[in-house]
Amino acid sequence: MDLVSGIVVYVILWWWILFMVLPVGVNREEDVQLGNDAGAPQKPNLVPKLVATTVIAAVVWIGVDQFIRADIISFREMVKDWM
């Protein structure tokens, strides 16, 4: 995987994992005041979630990179067969 492809894959993985990590440990506000959303979290803890997302995305990206380099599934051959 070249540099640009690697960055694109990492960014996609990072956002995908962020949306999976965001709801973890969320507690809703019990006493909702007028004008506030009832589903808004009390403490979103974004910094630990961003750090966890970055680490998890790096580990998953390494796995994806190794899978692509192992050439288990040849994506180029699949595309060539479709054309």
Protein backbone atom coordinates (compact mmCIF):
# COMPACT_ATOMS: atom_id res chain seq x y z
CA MET A 1 0.00 0.00 0.00
CA ASP A 2 1.50 3.34 -0.97
CA LEU A 3 1.58 6.41 1.30
CA VAL A 4 -1.58 8.13 0.05
CA SER A 5 -3.62 4.91 0.12
CA GLY A 6 -2.36 4.17 3.62
CA ILE A 7 -3.38 7.61 4.87
CA VAL A 8 -6.82 7.35 3.27
CA VAL A 9 -7.41 3.91 4.78
CA TYR A 10 -6.25 5.13 8.21
CA VAL A 11 -8.56 8.17 8.13
CA ILE A 12 -11.55 6.05 7.13
CA LEU A 13 -10.76 3.53 9.86
CA TRP A 14 -10.27 6.32 12.42
CA TRP A 15 -13.69 7.86 11.76
CA TRP A 16 -15.38 4.47 11.65
CA ILE A 17 -13.88 3.47 15.00
CA LEU A 18 -14.62 6.89 16.52
CA PHE A 19 -18.32 6.44 15.84
CA MET A 20 -18.15 3.01 17.49
CA VAL A 21 -16.30 4.35 20.56
CA LEU A 22 -18.40 7.49 21.15
CA PRO A 23 -21.39 5.81 22.85
CA VAL A 24 -19.21 3.82 25.28
CA GLY A 25 -19.71 4.93 28.89
CA VAL A 26 -22.29 7.61 28.12
CA ASN A 27 -24.72 8.52 30.91
CA ARG A 28 -27.67 10.72 30.10
CA GLU A 29 -28.59 13.79 32.10
CA GLU A 30 -31.29 12.92 34.65
CA ASP A 31 -32.54 16.46 35.28
CA VAL A 32 -33.00 17.94 31.81
CA GLN A 33 -33.41 21.70 31.80
CA LEU A 34 -35.49 23.58 29.27
CA GLY A 35 -33.60 23.96 25.99
CA ASN A 36 -31.20 21.06 26.57
CA ASP A 37 -31.32 17.80 24.65
CA ALA A 38 -32.54 14.85 26.71
CA GLY A 39 -29.99 12.56 25.02
CA ALA A 40 -26.96 14.76 25.70
CA PRO A 41 -24.31 13.03 27.84
CA GLN A 42 -23.32 14.32 31.27
CA LYS A 43 -19.58 13.93 30.63
CA PRO A 44 -18.67 12.90 27.09
CA ASN A 45 -14.98 12.15 27.98
CA LEU A 46 -13.81 13.03 24.49
CA VAL A 47 -10.05 13.12 25.08
CA PRO A 48 -9.78 9.49 26.30
CA LYS A 49 -12.08 8.42 23.48
CA LEU A 50 -9.95 10.20 20.87
CA VAL A 51 -6.79 8.60 22.26
CA ALA A 52 -8.43 5.16 22.29
CA THR A 53 -9.70 5.70 18.74
CA THR A 54 -6.23 6.63 17.52
CA VAL A 55 -4.62 3.57 19.12
CA ILE A 56 -7.32 1.14 17.97
CA ALA A 57 -7.28 2.58 14.43
CA ALA A 58 -3.49 2.18 14.29
CA VAL A 59 -3.72 -1.48 15.33
CA VAL A 60 -6.53 -2.18 12.86
CA TRP A 61 -4.65 -0.30 10.13
CA ILE A 62 -1.56 -2.47 10.68
CA GLY A 63 -3.76 -5.55 10.32
CA VAL A 64 -5.34 -4.24 7.11
CA ASP A 65 -1.92 -3.32 5.73
CA GLN A 66 -0.56 -6.79 6.47
CA PHE A 67 -3.65 -8.37 4.90
CA ILE A 68 -3.19 -6.33 1.73
CA ARG A 69 0.57 -7.03 1.59
CA ALA A 70 -0.01 -10.78 2.08
CA ASP A 71 -2.01 -10.71 -1.17
CA ILE A 72 -4.55 -13.19 0.20
CA ILE A 73 -7.21 -11.54 -1.91
CA SER A 74 -5.94 -9.84 -5.03
CA PHE A 75 -8.07 -6.75 -5.47
CA ARG A 76 -6.39 -5.96 -8.78
CA GLU A 77 -7.35 -9.37 -10.16
CA MET A 78 -10.94 -8.91 -8.99
CA VAL A 79 -11.22 -5.58 -10.78
CA LYS A 80 -9.55 -6.97 -13.89
CA ASP A 81 -12.08 -9.85 -13.96
CA TRP A 82 -15.01 -7.39 -13.77
CA MET A 83 -13.78 -5.45 -16.77
